[in-house]
Amino acid sequence: MKQSRLGSFYEALINALIRFPIGLVSQFAVFPLVGIEATLTTNFQVAGYFTVISIISSYVIRRWFNDRLHRAAHRMAGGE
């Protein structure tokens, strides 16, 4: 069974939203270690940008793998 585009998007969205607070807390810990001073607002903006990038990349990767798996299953079933 092939995953729908909407299903892939929801999966990518939920994964990124779950990781958002982890990334935000990580920024508070790591930024000072590398000499980056950032306000709370800036930290949220950076985390937001990376979350959007994560959603897009996760969606593209999920669709690519889904297509490959669907084609492999089709070949195994004797299709062209």
PDB file of N, CA and C in Angstrom:
ATOM      1  N   MET A   1       0.842  -1.172   0.000  1.00  0.00           N
ATOM      2  CA  MET A   1       0.000   0.000   0.000  1.00  0.00           C
ATOM      3  C   MET A   1       0.895   1.246   0.000  1.00  0.00           C
ATOM      4  N   LYS A   2       0.579   2.150  -0.837  1.00  0.00           N
ATOM      5  CA  LYS A   2       1.361   3.372  -0.988  1.00  0.00           C
ATOM      6  C   LYS A   2       0.849   4.450  -0.026  1.00  0.00           C
ATOM      7  N   GLN A   3       1.780   5.152   0.611  1.00  0.00           N
ATOM      8  CA  GLN A   3       1.399   6.238   1.514  1.00  0.00           C
ATOM      9  C   GLN A   3       0.991   7.454   0.689  1.00  0.00           C
ATOM     10  N   SER A   4      -0.077   8.110   1.106  1.00  0.00           N
ATOM     11  CA  SER A   4      -0.543   9.288   0.376  1.00  0.00           C
ATOM     12  C   SER A   4       0.398  10.469   0.616  1.00  0.00           C
ATOM     13  N   ARG A   5       0.323  11.446  -0.265  1.00  0.00           N
ATOM     14  CA  ARG A   5       1.129  12.656  -0.086  1.00  0.00           C
ATOM     15  C   ARG A   5       0.763  13.363   1.212  1.00  0.00           C
ATOM     16  N   LEU A   6      -0.527  13.395   1.507  1.00  0.00           N
ATOM     17  CA  LEU A   6      -0.983  14.035   2.743  1.00  0.00           C
ATOM     18  C   LEU A   6      -0.464  13.270   3.960  1.00  0.00           C
ATOM     19  N   GLY A   7      -0.476  11.945   3.878  1.00  0.00           N
ATOM     20  CA  GLY A   7       0.059  11.128   4.962  1.00  0.00           C
ATOM     21  C   GLY A   7       1.546  11.384   5.171  1.00  0.00           C
ATOM     22  N   SER A   8       2.289  11.524   4.074  1.00  0.00           N
ATOM     23  CA  SER A   8       3.718  11.844   4.157  1.00  0.00           C
ATOM     24  C   SER A   8       3.931  13.208   4.789  1.00  0.00           C
ATOM     25  N   PHE A   9       3.083  14.175   4.412  1.00  0.00           N
ATOM     26  CA  PHE A   9       3.204  15.513   4.982  1.00  0.00           C
ATOM     27  C   PHE A   9       2.922  15.496   6.477  1.00  0.00           C
ATOM     28  N   TYR A  10       1.849  14.807   6.895  1.00  0.00           N
ATOM     29  CA  TYR A  10       1.519  14.728   8.318  1.00  0.00           C
ATOM     30  C   TYR A  10       2.651  14.077   9.104  1.00  0.00           C
ATOM     31  N   GLU A  11       3.226  13.023   8.546  1.00  0.00           N
ATOM     32  CA  GLU A  11       4.333  12.343   9.217  1.00  0.00           C
ATOM     33  C   GLU A  11       5.513  13.298   9.398  1.00  0.00           C
ATOM     34  N   ALA A  12       5.876  14.006   8.339  1.00  0.00           N
ATOM     35  CA  ALA A  12       6.987  14.957   8.407  1.00  0.00           C
ATOM     36  C   ALA A  12       6.685  16.082   9.395  1.00  0.00           C
ATOM     37  N   LEU A  13       5.459  16.580   9.378  1.00  0.00           N
ATOM     38  CA  LEU A  13       5.053  17.669  10.267  1.00  0.00           C
ATOM     39  C   LEU A  13       5.120  17.244  11.729  1.00  0.00           C
ATOM     40  N   ILE A  14       4.564  16.102  12.043  1.00  0.00           N
ATOM     41  CA  ILE A  14       4.553  15.627  13.427  1.00  0.00           C
ATOM     42  C   ILE A  14       5.974  15.363  13.916  1.00  0.00           C
ATOM     43  N   ASN A  15       6.798  14.736  13.083  1.00  0.00           N
ATOM     44  CA  ASN A  15       8.191  14.497  13.469  1.00  0.00           C
ATOM     45  C   ASN A  15       8.909  15.802  13.774  1.00  0.00           C
ATOM     46  N   ALA A  16       8.741  16.793  12.923  1.00  0.00           N
ATOM     47  CA  ALA A  16       9.432  18.074  13.120  1.00  0.00           C
ATOM     48  C   ALA A  16       8.906  18.804  14.351  1.00  0.00           C
ATOM     49  N   LEU A  17       7.593  18.772  14.575  1.00  0.00           N
ATOM     50  CA  LEU A  17       7.033  19.457  15.732  1.00  0.00           C
ATOM     51  C   LEU A  17       7.445  18.798  17.050  1.00  0.00           C
ATOM     52  N   ILE A  18       7.621  17.495  17.031  1.00  0.00           N
ATOM     53  CA  ILE A  18       8.104  16.803  18.223  1.00  0.00           C
ATOM     54  C   ILE A  18       9.556  17.196  18.500  1.00  0.00           C
ATOM     55  N   ARG A  19      10.340  17.366  17.446  1.00  0.00           N
ATOM     56  CA  ARG A  19      11.753  17.714  17.619  1.00  0.00           C
ATOM     57  C   ARG A  19      11.976  19.208  17.867  1.00  0.00           C
ATOM     58  N   PHE A  20      10.993  20.051  17.639  1.00  0.00           N
ATOM     59  CA  PHE A  20      11.153  21.498  17.819  1.00  0.00           C
ATOM     60  C   PHE A  20      11.651  21.870  19.214  1.00  0.00           C
ATOM     61  N   PRO A  21      11.000  21.411  20.286  1.00  0.00           N
ATOM     62  CA  PRO A  21      11.490  21.803  21.613  1.00  0.00           C
ATOM     63  C   PRO A  21      12.889  21.257  21.922  1.00  0.00           C
ATOM     64  N   ILE A  22      13.208  20.091  21.387  1.00  0.00           N
ATOM     65  CA  ILE A  22      14.543  19.525  21.584  1.00  0.00           C
ATOM     66  C   ILE A  22      15.585  20.430  20.935  1.00  0.00           C
ATOM     67  N   GLY A  23      15.296  20.881  19.723  1.00  0.00           N
ATOM     68  CA  GLY A  23      16.211  21.785  19.029  1.00  0.00           C
ATOM     69  C   GLY A  23      16.353  23.114  19.742  1.00  0.00           C
ATOM     70  N   LEU A  24      15.249  23.615  20.239  1.00  0.00           N
ATOM     71  CA  LEU A  24      15.267  24.910  20.930  1.00  0.00           C
ATOM     72  C   LEU A  24      16.124  24.829  22.199  1.00  0.00           C
ATOM     73  N   VAL A  25      15.924  23.804  22.997  1.00  0.00           N
ATOM     74  CA  VAL A  25      16.713  23.621  24.212  1.00  0.00           C
ATOM     75  C   VAL A  25      18.187  23.418  23.855  1.00  0.00           C
ATOM     76  N   SER A  26      18.436  22.676  22.784  1.00  0.00           N
ATOM     77  CA  SER A  26      19.819  22.449  22.340  1.00  0.00           C
ATOM     78  C   SER A  26      20.499  23.764  21.968  1.00  0.00           C
ATOM     79  N   GLN A  27      19.768  24.643  21.322  1.00  0.00           N
ATOM     80  CA  GLN A  27      20.333  25.940  20.953  1.00  0.00           C
ATOM     81  C   GLN A  27      20.756  26.724  22.189  1.00  0.00           C
ATOM     82  N   PHE A  28      19.909  26.702  23.223  1.00  0.00           N
ATOM     83  CA  PHE A  28      20.253  27.420  24.456  1.00  0.00           C
ATOM     84  C   PHE A  28      21.533  26.871  25.076  1.00  0.00           C
ATOM     85  N   ALA A  29      21.775  25.578  24.908  1.00  0.00           N
ATOM     86  CA  ALA A  29      22.972  24.958  25.475  1.00  0.00           C
ATOM     87  C   ALA A  29      24.195  25.134  24.574  1.00  0.00           C
ATOM     88  N   VAL A  30      24.009  24.999  23.260  1.00  0.00           N
ATOM     89  CA  VAL A  30      25.141  24.971  22.332  1.00  0.00           C
ATOM     90  C   VAL A  30      25.584  26.365  21.892  1.00  0.00           C
ATOM     91  N   PHE A  31      24.659  27.250  21.615  1.00  0.00           N
ATOM     92  CA  PHE A  31      25.041  28.577  21.117  1.00  0.00           C
ATOM     93  C   PHE A  31      26.089  29.265  21.994  1.00  0.00           C
ATOM     94  N   PRO A  32      25.909  29.319  23.319  1.00  0.00           N
ATOM     95  CA  PRO A  32      26.935  29.966  24.137  1.00  0.00           C
ATOM     96  C   PRO A  32      28.297  29.261  24.075  1.00  0.00           C
ATOM     97  N   LEU A  33      28.277  27.950  23.885  1.00  0.00           N
ATOM     98  CA  LEU A  33      29.529  27.195  23.812  1.00  0.00           C
ATOM     99  C   LEU A  33      30.359  27.566  22.587  1.00  0.00           C
ATOM    100  N   VAL A  34      29.683  28.019  21.526  1.00  0.00           N
ATOM    101  CA  VAL A  34      30.397  28.390  20.293  1.00  0.00           C
ATOM    102  C   VAL A  34      30.425  29.901  20.083  1.00  0.00           C
ATOM    103  N   GLY A  35      30.096  30.638  21.137  1.00  0.00           N
ATOM    104  CA  GLY A  35      30.213  32.092  21.077  1.00  0.00           C
ATOM    105  C   GLY A  35      29.076  32.824  20.395  1.00  0.00           C
ATOM    106  N   ILE A  36      27.933  32.192  20.275  1.00  0.00           N
ATOM    107  CA  ILE A  36      26.773  32.847  19.659  1.00  0.00           C
ATOM    108  C   ILE A  36      25.860  33.363  20.757  1.00  0.00           C
ATOM    109  N   GLU A  37      25.626  34.662  20.741  1.00  0.00           N
ATOM    110  CA  GLU A  37      24.686  35.261  21.683  1.00  0.00           C
ATOM    111  C   GLU A  37      23.389  35.532  20.930  1.00  0.00           C
ATOM    112  N   ALA A  38      22.303  34.959  21.427  1.00  0.00           N
ATOM    113  CA  ALA A  38      21.017  35.121  20.742  1.00  0.00           C
ATOM    114  C   ALA A  38      19.918  35.371  21.762  1.00  0.00           C
ATOM    115  N   THR A  39      19.002  36.247  21.386  1.00  0.00           N
ATOM    116  CA  THR A  39      17.850  36.521  22.244  1.00  0.00           C
ATOM    117  C   THR A  39      16.864  35.353  22.163  1.00  0.00           C
ATOM    118  N   LEU A  40      15.907  35.367  23.055  1.00  0.00           N
ATOM    119  CA  LEU A  40      14.859  34.343  23.031  1.00  0.00           C
ATOM    120  C   LEU A  40      14.133  34.358  21.693  1.00  0.00           C
ATOM    121  N   THR A  41      13.823  35.547  21.196  1.00  0.00           N
ATOM    122  CA  THR A  41      13.141  35.684  19.911  1.00  0.00           C
ATOM    123  C   THR A  41      13.975  35.093  18.779  1.00  0.00           C
ATOM    124  N   THR A  42      15.263  35.398  18.779  1.00  0.00           N
ATOM    125  CA  THR A  42      16.148  34.870  17.736  1.00  0.00           C
ATOM    126  C   THR A  42      16.224  33.355  17.813  1.00  0.00           C
ATOM    127  N   ASN A  43      16.320  32.814  19.024  1.00  0.00           N
ATOM    128  CA  ASN A  43      16.351  31.358  19.181  1.00  0.00           C
ATOM    129  C   ASN A  43      15.091  30.714  18.616  1.00  0.00           C
ATOM    130  N   PHE A  44      13.937  31.316  18.873  1.00  0.00           N
ATOM    131  CA  PHE A  44      12.691  30.777  18.323  1.00  0.00           C
ATOM    132  C   PHE A  44      12.668  30.882  16.799  1.00  0.00           C
ATOM    133  N   GLN A  45      13.177  31.983  16.257  1.00  0.00           N
ATOM    134  CA  GLN A  45      13.214  32.145  14.802  1.00  0.00           C
ATOM    135  C   GLN A  45      14.120  31.099  14.157  1.00  0.00           C
ATOM    136  N   VAL A  46      15.293  30.915  14.721  1.00  0.00           N
ATOM    137  CA  VAL A  46      16.226  29.917  14.169  1.00  0.00           C
ATOM    138  C   VAL A  46      15.604  28.528  14.246  1.00  0.00           C
ATOM    139  N   ALA A  47      15.030  28.184  15.389  1.00  0.00           N
ATOM    140  CA  ALA A  47      14.381  26.881  15.534  1.00  0.00           C
ATOM    141  C   ALA A  47      13.225  26.740  14.537  1.00  0.00           C
ATOM    142  N   GLY A  48      12.490  27.822  14.310  1.00  0.00           N
ATOM    143  CA  GLY A  48      11.393  27.792  13.341  1.00  0.00           C
ATOM    144  C   GLY A  48      11.872  27.543  11.924  1.00  0.00           C
ATOM    145  N   TYR A  49      12.956  28.227  11.538  1.00  0.00           N
ATOM    146  CA  TYR A  49      13.515  28.009  10.195  1.00  0.00           C
ATOM    147  C   TYR A  49      13.957  26.561  10.018  1.00  0.00           C
ATOM    148  N   PHE A  50      14.670  26.050  11.015  1.00  0.00           N
ATOM    149  CA  PHE A  50      15.133  24.666  10.909  1.00  0.00           C
ATOM    150  C   PHE A  50      13.977  23.671  10.933  1.00  0.00           C
ATOM    151  N   THR A  51      12.898  24.012  11.614  1.00  0.00           N
ATOM    152  CA  THR A  51      11.723  23.148  11.625  1.00  0.00           C
ATOM    153  C   THR A  51      11.084  23.094  10.240  1.00  0.00           C
ATOM    154  N   VAL A  52      10.969  24.235   9.585  1.00  0.00           N
ATOM    155  CA  VAL A  52      10.412  24.269   8.222  1.00  0.00           C
ATOM    156  C   VAL A  52      11.305  23.468   7.266  1.00  0.00           C
ATOM    157  N   ILE A  53      12.611  23.659   7.378  1.00  0.00           N
ATOM    158  CA  ILE A  53      13.549  22.896   6.545  1.00  0.00           C
ATOM    159  C   ILE A  53      13.400  21.404   6.812  1.00  0.00           C
ATOM    160  N   SER A  54      13.243  21.035   8.077  1.00  0.00           N
ATOM    161  CA  SER A  54      13.083  19.635   8.448  1.00  0.00           C
ATOM    162  C   SER A  54      11.803  19.038   7.873  1.00  0.00           C
ATOM    163  N   ILE A  55      10.710  19.792   7.915  1.00  0.00           N
ATOM    164  CA  ILE A  55       9.441  19.300   7.363  1.00  0.00           C
ATOM    165  C   ILE A  55       9.584  19.048   5.869  1.00  0.00           C
ATOM    166  N   ILE A  56      10.183  19.992   5.158  1.00  0.00           N
ATOM    167  CA  ILE A  56      10.346  19.848   3.705  1.00  0.00           C
ATOM    168  C   ILE A  56      11.250  18.662   3.372  1.00  0.00           C
ATOM    169  N   SER A  57      12.397  18.580   4.035  1.00  0.00           N
ATOM    170  CA  SER A  57      13.331  17.492   3.713  1.00  0.00           C
ATOM    171  C   SER A  57      12.757  16.135   4.101  1.00  0.00           C
ATOM    172  N   SER A  58      12.080  16.044   5.242  1.00  0.00           N
ATOM    173  CA  SER A  58      11.467  14.776   5.650  1.00  0.00           C
ATOM    174  C   SER A  58      10.388  14.340   4.665  1.00  0.00           C
ATOM    175  N   TYR A  59       9.605  15.295   4.201  1.00  0.00           N
ATOM    176  CA  TYR A  59       8.551  14.992   3.227  1.00  0.00           C
ATOM    177  C   TYR A  59       9.158  14.456   1.924  1.00  0.00           C
ATOM    178  N   VAL A  60      10.174  15.142   1.417  1.00  0.00           N
ATOM    179  CA  VAL A  60      10.807  14.728   0.155  1.00  0.00           C
ATOM    180  C   VAL A  60      11.427  13.339   0.297  1.00  0.00           C
ATOM    181  N   ILE A  61      12.126  13.107   1.397  1.00  0.00           N
ATOM    182  CA  ILE A  61      12.750  11.795   1.615  1.00  0.00           C
ATOM    183  C   ILE A  61      11.688  10.714   1.743  1.00  0.00           C
ATOM    184  N   ARG A  62      10.616  10.995   2.484  1.00  0.00           N
ATOM    185  CA  ARG A  62       9.544  10.013   2.660  1.00  0.00           C
ATOM    186  C   ARG A  62       8.913   9.666   1.321  1.00  0.00           C
ATOM    187  N   ARG A  63       8.650  10.670   0.477  1.00  0.00           N
ATOM    188  CA  ARG A  63       8.044  10.413  -0.833  1.00  0.00           C
ATOM    189  C   ARG A  63       8.986   9.601  -1.718  1.00  0.00           C
ATOM    190  N   TRP A  64      10.288   9.919  -1.669  1.00  0.00           N
ATOM    191  CA  TRP A  64      11.277   9.197  -2.475  1.00  0.00           C
ATOM    192  C   TRP A  64      11.322   7.730  -2.066  1.00  0.00           C
ATOM    193  N   PHE A  65      11.414   7.465  -0.751  1.00  0.00           N
ATOM    194  CA  PHE A  65      11.453   6.083  -0.284  1.00  0.00           C
ATOM    195  C   PHE A  65      10.146   5.369  -0.579  1.00  0.00           C
ATOM    196  N   ASN A  66       9.037   6.062  -0.415  1.00  0.00           N
ATOM    197  CA  ASN A  66       7.749   5.449  -0.677  1.00  0.00           C
ATOM    198  C   ASN A  66       7.644   5.013  -2.135  1.00  0.00           C
ATOM    199  N   ASP A  67       8.108   5.869  -3.036  1.00  0.00           N
ATOM    200  CA  ASP A  67       8.083   5.535  -4.460  1.00  0.00           C
ATOM    201  C   ASP A  67       8.977   4.337  -4.757  1.00  0.00           C
ATOM    202  N   ARG A  68      10.175   4.333  -4.188  1.00  0.00           N
ATOM    203  CA  ARG A  68      11.100   3.214  -4.409  1.00  0.00           C
ATOM    204  C   ARG A  68      10.529   1.909  -3.875  1.00  0.00           C
ATOM    205  N   LEU A  69       9.936   1.939  -2.683  1.00  0.00           N
ATOM    206  CA  LEU A  69       9.349   0.736  -2.103  1.00  0.00           C
ATOM    207  C   LEU A  69       8.168   0.248  -2.927  1.00  0.00           C
ATOM    208  N   HIS A  70       7.361   1.194  -3.410  1.00  0.00           N
ATOM    209  CA  HIS A  70       6.214   0.820  -4.232  1.00  0.00           C
ATOM    210  C   HIS A  70       6.671   0.151  -5.529  1.00  0.00           C
ATOM    211  N   ARG A  71       7.710   0.722  -6.157  1.00  0.00           N
ATOM    212  CA  ARG A  71       8.236   0.123  -7.398  1.00  0.00           C
ATOM    213  C   ARG A  71       8.832  -1.253  -7.140  1.00  0.00           C
ATOM    214  N   ALA A  72       9.561  -1.404  -6.023  1.00  0.00           N
ATOM    215  CA  ALA A  72      10.169  -2.702  -5.685  1.00  0.00           C
ATOM    216  C   ALA A  72       9.089  -3.751  -5.443  1.00  0.00           C
ATOM    217  N   ALA A  73       8.033  -3.380  -4.729  1.00  0.00           N
ATOM    218  CA  ALA A  73       6.938  -4.307  -4.478  1.00  0.00           C
ATOM    219  C   ALA A  73       6.242  -4.696  -5.784  1.00  0.00           C
ATOM    220  N   HIS A  74       6.090  -3.735  -6.667  1.00  0.00           N
ATOM    221  CA  HIS A  74       5.450  -3.992  -7.970  1.00  0.00           C
ATOM    222  C   HIS A  74       6.299  -4.990  -8.769  1.00  0.00           C
ATOM    223  N   ARG A  75       7.622  -4.789  -8.787  1.00  0.00           N
ATOM    224  CA  ARG A  75       8.515  -5.720  -9.493  1.00  0.00           C
ATOM    225  C   ARG A  75       8.464  -7.116  -8.895  1.00  0.00           C
ATOM    226  N   MET A  76       8.435  -7.194  -7.564  1.00  0.00           N
ATOM    227  CA  MET A  76       8.394  -8.504  -6.892  1.00  0.00           C
ATOM    228  C   MET A  76       7.095  -9.242  -7.175  1.00  0.00           C
ATOM    229  N   ALA A  77       6.044  -8.473  -7.436  1.00  0.00           N
ATOM    230  CA  ALA A  77       4.741  -9.084  -7.734  1.00  0.00           C
ATOM    231  C   ALA A  77       4.627  -9.493  -9.198  1.00  0.00           C
ATOM    232  N   GLY A  78       5.712  -9.284  -9.942  1.00  0.00           N
ATOM    233  CA  GLY A  78       5.713  -9.693 -11.338  1.00  0.00           C
ATOM    234  C   GLY A  78       5.316  -8.622 -12.311  1.00  0.00           C
ATOM    235  N   GLY A  79       5.191  -7.390 -11.846  1.00  0.00           N
ATOM    236  CA  GLY A  79       4.829  -6.287 -12.736  1.00  0.00           C
ATOM    237  C   GLY A  79       6.040  -5.775 -13.483  1.00  0.00           C
ATOM    238  N   GLU A  80       5.816  -4.951 -14.464  1.00  0.00           N
ATOM    239  CA  GLU A  80       6.918  -4.383 -15.267  1.00  0.00           C
ATOM    240  C   GLU A  80       7.441  -3.170 -14.644  1.00  0.00           C
TER     241      GLU A  80
END
